[in-house]
Amino acid sequence: ATLHEIPPNGQGIAALMALGMLKGTGIEALH
C-alpha cells in the first residue's frame, strides 16, 4: 500500500516520513 498526502505547507509529510522510518523495524509482525 502507498500513503498519499498533500505536499507542504501541511504536516502530512510527517506521516510519510514516519512510515519510511518504520521500514525494517519489523512492526508489521507485531500486534
PDB file of all heavy atoms in Angstrom:
ATOM      1  N   ALA A   1       0.838  -1.202   0.000  1.00  0.00           N
ATOM      2  CA  ALA A   1       0.000   0.000   0.000  1.00  0.00           C
ATOM      3  C   ALA A   1       0.871   1.250   0.000  1.00  0.00           C
ATOM      4  O   ALA A   1       1.978   1.258   0.526  1.00  0.00           O
ATOM      5  CB  ALA A   1      -0.928   0.006   1.208  1.00  0.00           C
ATOM      6  N   THR A   2       0.335   2.320  -0.590  1.00  0.00           N
ATOM      7  CA  THR A   2       1.054   3.593  -0.676  1.00  0.00           C
ATOM      8  C   THR A   2       0.189   4.700  -0.093  1.00  0.00           C
ATOM      9  O   THR A   2      -0.947   4.908  -0.533  1.00  0.00           O
ATOM     10  CB  THR A   2       1.407   3.932  -2.132  1.00  0.00           C
ATOM     11  OG1 THR A   2       2.175   2.867  -2.695  1.00  0.00           O
ATOM     12  CG2 THR A   2       2.206   5.223  -2.207  1.00  0.00           C
ATOM     13  N   LEU A   3       0.713   5.389   0.887  1.00  0.00           N
ATOM     14  CA  LEU A   3       0.001   6.509   1.508  1.00  0.00           C
ATOM     15  C   LEU A   3       0.321   7.790   0.755  1.00  0.00           C
ATOM     16  O   LEU A   3       1.486   8.106   0.523  1.00  0.00           O
ATOM     17  CB  LEU A   3       0.409   6.651   2.977  1.00  0.00           C
ATOM     18  CG  LEU A   3      -0.177   7.849   3.742  1.00  0.00           C
ATOM     19  CD1 LEU A   3      -1.696   7.787   3.784  1.00  0.00           C
ATOM     20  CD2 LEU A   3       0.394   7.913   5.163  1.00  0.00           C
ATOM     21  N   HIS A   4      -0.726   8.520   0.364  1.00  0.00           N
ATOM     22  CA  HIS A   4      -0.583   9.794  -0.339  1.00  0.00           C
ATOM     23  C   HIS A   4      -1.033  10.938   0.563  1.00  0.00           C
ATOM     24  O   HIS A   4      -2.045  10.841   1.256  1.00  0.00           O
ATOM     25  CB  HIS A   4      -1.423   9.804  -1.624  1.00  0.00           C
ATOM     26  CG  HIS A   4      -0.887   8.934  -2.703  1.00  0.00           C
ATOM     27  ND1 HIS A   4      -0.219   9.426  -3.810  1.00  0.00           N
ATOM     28  CD2 HIS A   4      -0.902   7.582  -2.855  1.00  0.00           C
ATOM     29  CE1 HIS A   4       0.149   8.423  -4.587  1.00  0.00           C
ATOM     30  NE2 HIS A   4      -0.260   7.294  -4.033  1.00  0.00           N
ATOM     31  N   GLU A   5      -0.271  12.029   0.518  1.00  0.00           N
ATOM     32  CA  GLU A   5      -0.577  13.229   1.286  1.00  0.00           C
ATOM     33  C   GLU A   5      -0.410  14.457   0.386  1.00  0.00           C
ATOM     34  O   GLU A   5       0.233  14.392  -0.666  1.00  0.00           O
ATOM     35  CB  GLU A   5       0.366  13.359   2.494  1.00  0.00           C
ATOM     36  CG  GLU A   5       0.326  12.195   3.474  1.00  0.00           C
ATOM     37  CD  GLU A   5      -0.836  12.265   4.443  1.00  0.00           C
ATOM     38  OE1 GLU A   5      -1.566  13.288   4.431  1.00  0.00           O
ATOM     39  OE2 GLU A   5      -1.006  11.316   5.230  1.00  0.00           O
ATOM     40  N   ILE A   6      -0.973  15.586   0.821  1.00  0.00           N
ATOM     41  CA  ILE A   6      -0.771  16.858   0.129  1.00  0.00           C
ATOM     42  C   ILE A   6       0.632  17.369   0.465  1.00  0.00           C
ATOM     43  O   ILE A   6       1.068  17.290   1.622  1.00  0.00           O
ATOM     44  CB  ILE A   6      -1.829  17.883   0.564  1.00  0.00           C
ATOM     45  CG1 ILE A   6      -3.229  17.441   0.095  1.00  0.00           C
ATOM     46  CG2 ILE A   6      -1.507  19.282   0.033  1.00  0.00           C
ATOM     47  CD1 ILE A   6      -3.462  17.516  -1.390  1.00  0.00           C
ATOM     48  N   PRO A   7       1.380  17.902  -0.510  1.00  0.00           N
ATOM     49  CA  PRO A   7       2.719  18.447  -0.223  1.00  0.00           C
ATOM     50  C   PRO A   7       2.648  19.631   0.748  1.00  0.00           C
ATOM     51  O   PRO A   7       1.586  20.227   0.941  1.00  0.00           O
ATOM     52  CB  PRO A   7       3.219  18.910  -1.595  1.00  0.00           C
ATOM     53  CG  PRO A   7       2.356  18.231  -2.596  1.00  0.00           C
ATOM     54  CD  PRO A   7       1.026  18.026  -1.936  1.00  0.00           C
ATOM     55  N   PRO A   8       3.783  19.998   1.373  1.00  0.00           N
ATOM     56  CA  PRO A   8       3.802  21.185   2.234  1.00  0.00           C
ATOM     57  C   PRO A   8       3.248  22.398   1.486  1.00  0.00           C
ATOM     58  O   PRO A   8       3.384  22.480   0.275  1.00  0.00           O
ATOM     59  CB  PRO A   8       5.290  21.369   2.535  1.00  0.00           C
ATOM     60  CG  PRO A   8       5.875  20.002   2.405  1.00  0.00           C
ATOM     61  CD  PRO A   8       5.091  19.367   1.286  1.00  0.00           C
ATOM     62  N   ASN A   9       2.517  23.237   2.255  1.00  0.00           N
ATOM     63  CA  ASN A   9       2.696  23.690   3.600  1.00  0.00           C
ATOM     64  C   ASN A   9       2.076  22.866   4.727  1.00  0.00           C
ATOM     65  O   ASN A   9       2.043  23.353   5.869  1.00  0.00           O
ATOM     66  CB  ASN A   9       2.144  25.108   3.713  1.00  0.00           C
ATOM     67  CG  ASN A   9       0.684  25.191   3.198  1.00  0.00           C
ATOM     68  OD1 ASN A   9       0.279  24.624   2.187  1.00  0.00           O
ATOM     69  ND2 ASN A   9      -0.105  25.961   3.903  1.00  0.00           N
ATOM     70  N   GLY A  10       1.588  21.668   4.482  1.00  0.00           N
ATOM     71  CA  GLY A  10       0.912  20.888   5.502  1.00  0.00           C
ATOM     72  C   GLY A  10       1.819  19.878   6.178  1.00  0.00           C
ATOM     73  O   GLY A  10       2.935  19.607   5.732  1.00  0.00           O
ATOM     74  N   GLN A  11       1.276  19.269   7.264  1.00  0.00           N
ATOM     75  CA  GLN A  11       2.057  18.342   8.067  1.00  0.00           C
ATOM     76  C   GLN A  11       1.950  16.895   7.585  1.00  0.00           C
ATOM     77  O   GLN A  11       2.526  15.990   8.191  1.00  0.00           O
ATOM     78  CB  GLN A  11       1.632  18.416   9.527  1.00  0.00           C
ATOM     79  CG  GLN A  11       0.208  17.923   9.810  1.00  0.00           C
ATOM     80  CD  GLN A  11      -0.074  17.741  11.282  1.00  0.00           C
ATOM     81  OE1 GLN A  11       0.771  17.283  12.041  1.00  0.00           O
ATOM     82  NE2 GLN A  11      -1.285  18.113  11.705  1.00  0.00           N
ATOM     83  N   GLY A  12       1.227  16.650   6.480  1.00  0.00           N
ATOM     84  CA  GLY A  12       1.060  15.290   6.002  1.00  0.00           C
ATOM     85  C   GLY A  12       2.379  14.579   5.726  1.00  0.00           C
ATOM     86  O   GLY A  12       2.487  13.356   5.860  1.00  0.00           O
ATOM     87  N   ILE A  13       3.389  15.330   5.356  1.00  0.00           N
ATOM     88  CA  ILE A  13       4.702  14.752   5.081  1.00  0.00           C
ATOM     89  C   ILE A  13       5.253  14.016   6.300  1.00  0.00           C
ATOM     90  O   ILE A  13       6.027  13.057   6.164  1.00  0.00           O
ATOM     91  CB  ILE A  13       5.683  15.848   4.594  1.00  0.00           C
ATOM     92  CG1 ILE A  13       6.958  15.216   4.008  1.00  0.00           C
ATOM     93  CG2 ILE A  13       5.987  16.851   5.684  1.00  0.00           C
ATOM     94  CD1 ILE A  13       7.860  16.229   3.334  1.00  0.00           C
ATOM     95  N   ALA A  14       4.846  14.410   7.514  1.00  0.00           N
ATOM     96  CA  ALA A  14       5.334  13.744   8.727  1.00  0.00           C
ATOM     97  C   ALA A  14       4.878  12.292   8.777  1.00  0.00           C
ATOM     98  O   ALA A  14       5.636  11.410   9.215  1.00  0.00           O
ATOM     99  CB  ALA A  14       4.862  14.488   9.969  1.00  0.00           C
ATOM    100  N   ALA A  15       3.642  12.014   8.352  1.00  0.00           N
ATOM    101  CA  ALA A  15       3.160  10.636   8.331  1.00  0.00           C
ATOM    102  C   ALA A  15       3.979   9.799   7.350  1.00  0.00           C
ATOM    103  O   ALA A  15       4.312   8.641   7.630  1.00  0.00           O
ATOM    104  CB  ALA A  15       1.679  10.603   7.964  1.00  0.00           C
ATOM    105  N   LEU A  16       4.305  10.382   6.199  1.00  0.00           N
ATOM    106  CA  LEU A  16       5.112   9.666   5.207  1.00  0.00           C
ATOM    107  C   LEU A  16       6.515   9.407   5.725  1.00  0.00           C
ATOM    108  O   LEU A  16       7.079   8.316   5.533  1.00  0.00           O
ATOM    109  CB  LEU A  16       5.182  10.471   3.911  1.00  0.00           C
ATOM    110  CG  LEU A  16       3.855  10.850   3.258  1.00  0.00           C
ATOM    111  CD1 LEU A  16       4.116  11.621   1.959  1.00  0.00           C
ATOM    112  CD2 LEU A  16       3.002   9.628   2.988  1.00  0.00           C
ATOM    113  N   MET A  17       7.099  10.395   6.374  1.00  0.00           N
ATOM    114  CA  MET A  17       8.441  10.231   6.931  1.00  0.00           C
ATOM    115  C   MET A  17       8.463   9.130   7.982  1.00  0.00           C
ATOM    116  O   MET A  17       9.372   8.284   8.009  1.00  0.00           O
ATOM    117  CB  MET A  17       8.921  11.552   7.525  1.00  0.00           C
ATOM    118  CG  MET A  17       9.142  12.651   6.498  1.00  0.00           C
ATOM    119  SD  MET A  17       9.455  14.263   7.273  1.00  0.00           S
ATOM    120  CE  MET A  17      11.064  13.946   8.019  1.00  0.00           C
ATOM    121  N   ALA A  18       7.449   9.125   8.841  1.00  0.00           N
ATOM    122  CA  ALA A  18       7.391   8.098   9.881  1.00  0.00           C
ATOM    123  C   ALA A  18       7.254   6.705   9.268  1.00  0.00           C
ATOM    124  O   ALA A  18       7.891   5.749   9.732  1.00  0.00           O
ATOM    125  CB  ALA A  18       6.230   8.385  10.828  1.00  0.00           C
ATOM    126  N   LEU A  19       6.439   6.578   8.217  1.00  0.00           N
ATOM    127  CA  LEU A  19       6.317   5.286   7.525  1.00  0.00           C
ATOM    128  C   LEU A  19       7.672   4.828   7.004  1.00  0.00           C
ATOM    129  O   LEU A  19       8.052   3.656   7.145  1.00  0.00           O
ATOM    130  CB  LEU A  19       5.335   5.399   6.362  1.00  0.00           C
ATOM    131  CG  LEU A  19       3.858   5.134   6.604  1.00  0.00           C
ATOM    132  CD1 LEU A  19       3.112   5.219   5.295  1.00  0.00           C
ATOM    133  CD2 LEU A  19       3.619   3.789   7.280  1.00  0.00           C
ATOM    134  N   GLY A  20       8.383   5.767   6.369  1.00  0.00           N
ATOM    135  CA  GLY A  20       9.696   5.432   5.832  1.00  0.00           C
ATOM    136  C   GLY A  20      10.672   4.990   6.907  1.00  0.00           C
ATOM    137  O   GLY A  20      11.475   4.068   6.699  1.00  0.00           O
ATOM    138  N   MET A  21      10.608   5.621   8.060  1.00  0.00           N
ATOM    139  CA  MET A  21      11.499   5.258   9.168  1.00  0.00           C
ATOM    140  C   MET A  21      11.155   3.892   9.758  1.00  0.00           C
ATOM    141  O   MET A  21      12.013   3.209  10.320  1.00  0.00           O
ATOM    142  CB  MET A  21      11.427   6.316  10.269  1.00  0.00           C
ATOM    143  CG  MET A  21      11.952   7.686   9.870  1.00  0.00           C
ATOM    144  SD  MET A  21      11.642   8.876  11.194  1.00  0.00           S
ATOM    145  CE  MET A  21      11.751  10.426  10.298  1.00  0.00           C
ATOM    146  N   LEU A  22       9.878   3.476   9.647  1.00  0.00           N
ATOM    147  CA  LEU A  22       9.450   2.213  10.240  1.00  0.00           C
ATOM    148  C   LEU A  22       9.789   0.998   9.380  1.00  0.00           C
ATOM    149  O   LEU A  22       9.673  -0.141   9.852  1.00  0.00           O
ATOM    150  CB  LEU A  22       7.939   2.250  10.515  1.00  0.00           C
ATOM    151  CG  LEU A  22       7.509   3.154  11.670  1.00  0.00           C
ATOM    152  CD1 LEU A  22       6.001   3.286  11.717  1.00  0.00           C
ATOM    153  CD2 LEU A  22       8.046   2.627  13.002  1.00  0.00           C
ATOM    154  N   LYS A  23      10.175   1.234   8.142  1.00  0.00           N
ATOM    155  CA  LYS A  23      10.579   0.112   7.296  1.00  0.00           C
ATOM    156  C   LYS A  23      11.801  -0.563   7.915  1.00  0.00           C
ATOM    157  O   LYS A  23      12.751   0.099   8.325  1.00  0.00           O
ATOM    158  CB  LYS A  23      10.915   0.591   5.884  1.00  0.00           C
ATOM    159  CG  LYS A  23       9.708   1.040   5.078  1.00  0.00           C
ATOM    160  CD  LYS A  23      10.117   1.446   3.674  1.00  0.00           C
ATOM    161  CE  LYS A  23       8.929   1.906   2.860  1.00  0.00           C
ATOM    162  NZ  LYS A  23       9.318   2.307   1.480  1.00  0.00           N
ATOM    163  N   GLY A  24      11.751  -1.846   7.990  1.00  0.00           N
ATOM    164  CA  GLY A  24      12.880  -2.570   8.538  1.00  0.00           C
ATOM    165  C   GLY A  24      12.844  -2.746  10.041  1.00  0.00           C
ATOM    166  O   GLY A  24      13.723  -3.393  10.618  1.00  0.00           O
ATOM    167  N   THR A  25      11.840  -2.183  10.709  1.00  0.00           N
ATOM    168  CA  THR A  25      11.736  -2.338  12.163  1.00  0.00           C
ATOM    169  C   THR A  25      11.006  -3.619  12.556  1.00  0.00           C
ATOM    170  O   THR A  25      11.017  -4.010  13.725  1.00  0.00           O
ATOM    171  CB  THR A  25      10.991  -1.145  12.792  1.00  0.00           C
ATOM    172  OG1 THR A  25       9.640  -1.111  12.288  1.00  0.00           O
ATOM    173  CG2 THR A  25      11.686   0.168  12.494  1.00  0.00           C
ATOM    174  N   GLY A  26      10.317  -4.235  11.572  1.00  0.00           N
ATOM    175  CA  GLY A  26       9.544  -5.430  11.875  1.00  0.00           C
ATOM    176  C   GLY A  26       8.210  -5.154  12.517  1.00  0.00           C
ATOM    177  O   GLY A  26       7.567  -6.056  13.062  1.00  0.00           O
ATOM    178  N   ILE A  27       7.735  -3.926  12.433  1.00  0.00           N
ATOM    179  CA  ILE A  27       6.490  -3.550  13.100  1.00  0.00           C
ATOM    180  C   ILE A  27       5.296  -4.335  12.582  1.00  0.00           C
ATOM    181  O   ILE A  27       4.348  -4.617  13.316  1.00  0.00           O
ATOM    182  CB  ILE A  27       6.238  -2.028  12.974  1.00  0.00           C
ATOM    183  CG1 ILE A  27       5.090  -1.604  13.905  1.00  0.00           C
ATOM    184  CG2 ILE A  27       5.979  -1.622  11.516  1.00  0.00           C
ATOM    185  CD1 ILE A  27       4.900  -0.108  13.997  1.00  0.00           C
ATOM    186  N   GLU A  28       5.351  -4.748  11.308  1.00  0.00           N
ATOM    187  CA  GLU A  28       4.213  -5.454  10.721  1.00  0.00           C
ATOM    188  C   GLU A  28       3.958  -6.803  11.397  1.00  0.00           C
ATOM    189  O   GLU A  28       2.850  -7.351  11.325  1.00  0.00           O
ATOM    190  CB  GLU A  28       4.421  -5.643   9.216  1.00  0.00           C
ATOM    191  CG  GLU A  28       5.662  -6.411   8.833  1.00  0.00           C
ATOM    192  CD  GLU A  28       6.880  -5.515   8.648  1.00  0.00           C
ATOM    193  OE1 GLU A  28       6.915  -4.415   9.224  1.00  0.00           O
ATOM    194  OE2 GLU A  28       7.784  -5.931   7.903  1.00  0.00           O
ATOM    195  N   ALA A  29       4.948  -7.361  12.064  1.00  0.00           N
ATOM    196  CA  ALA A  29       4.795  -8.652  12.747  1.00  0.00           C
ATOM    197  C   ALA A  29       4.237  -8.507  14.156  1.00  0.00           C
ATOM    198  O   ALA A  29       3.910  -9.508  14.801  1.00  0.00           O
ATOM    199  CB  ALA A  29       6.137  -9.383  12.786  1.00  0.00           C
ATOM    200  N   LEU A  30       4.120  -7.276  14.631  1.00  0.00           N
ATOM    201  CA  LEU A  30       3.652  -7.038  15.995  1.00  0.00           C
ATOM    202  C   LEU A  30       2.131  -6.912  16.035  1.00  0.00           C
ATOM    203  O   LEU A  30       1.481  -6.605  15.036  1.00  0.00           O
ATOM    204  CB  LEU A  30       4.283  -5.757  16.545  1.00  0.00           C
ATOM    205  CG  LEU A  30       5.814  -5.746  16.629  1.00  0.00           C
ATOM    206  CD1 LEU A  30       6.296  -4.366  17.067  1.00  0.00           C
ATOM    207  CD2 LEU A  30       6.319  -6.824  17.583  1.00  0.00           C
ATOM    208  N   HIS A  31       1.543  -7.118  17.207  1.00  0.00           N
ATOM    209  CA  HIS A  31       0.109  -6.909  17.384  1.00  0.00           C
ATOM    210  C   HIS A  31      -0.168  -5.409  17.370  1.00  0.00           C
ATOM    211  O   HIS A  31       0.599  -4.620  17.944  1.00  0.00           O
ATOM    212  CB  HIS A  31      -0.361  -7.513  18.715  1.00  0.00           C
ATOM    213  CG  HIS A  31      -1.843  -7.507  18.882  1.00  0.00           C
ATOM    214  ND1 HIS A  31      -2.542  -6.385  19.295  1.00  0.00           N
ATOM    215  CD2 HIS A  31      -2.778  -8.472  18.677  1.00  0.00           C
ATOM    216  CE1 HIS A  31      -3.839  -6.659  19.339  1.00  0.00           C
ATOM    217  NE2 HIS A  31      -4.014  -7.924  18.976  1.00  0.00           N
TER     218      HIS A  31
END
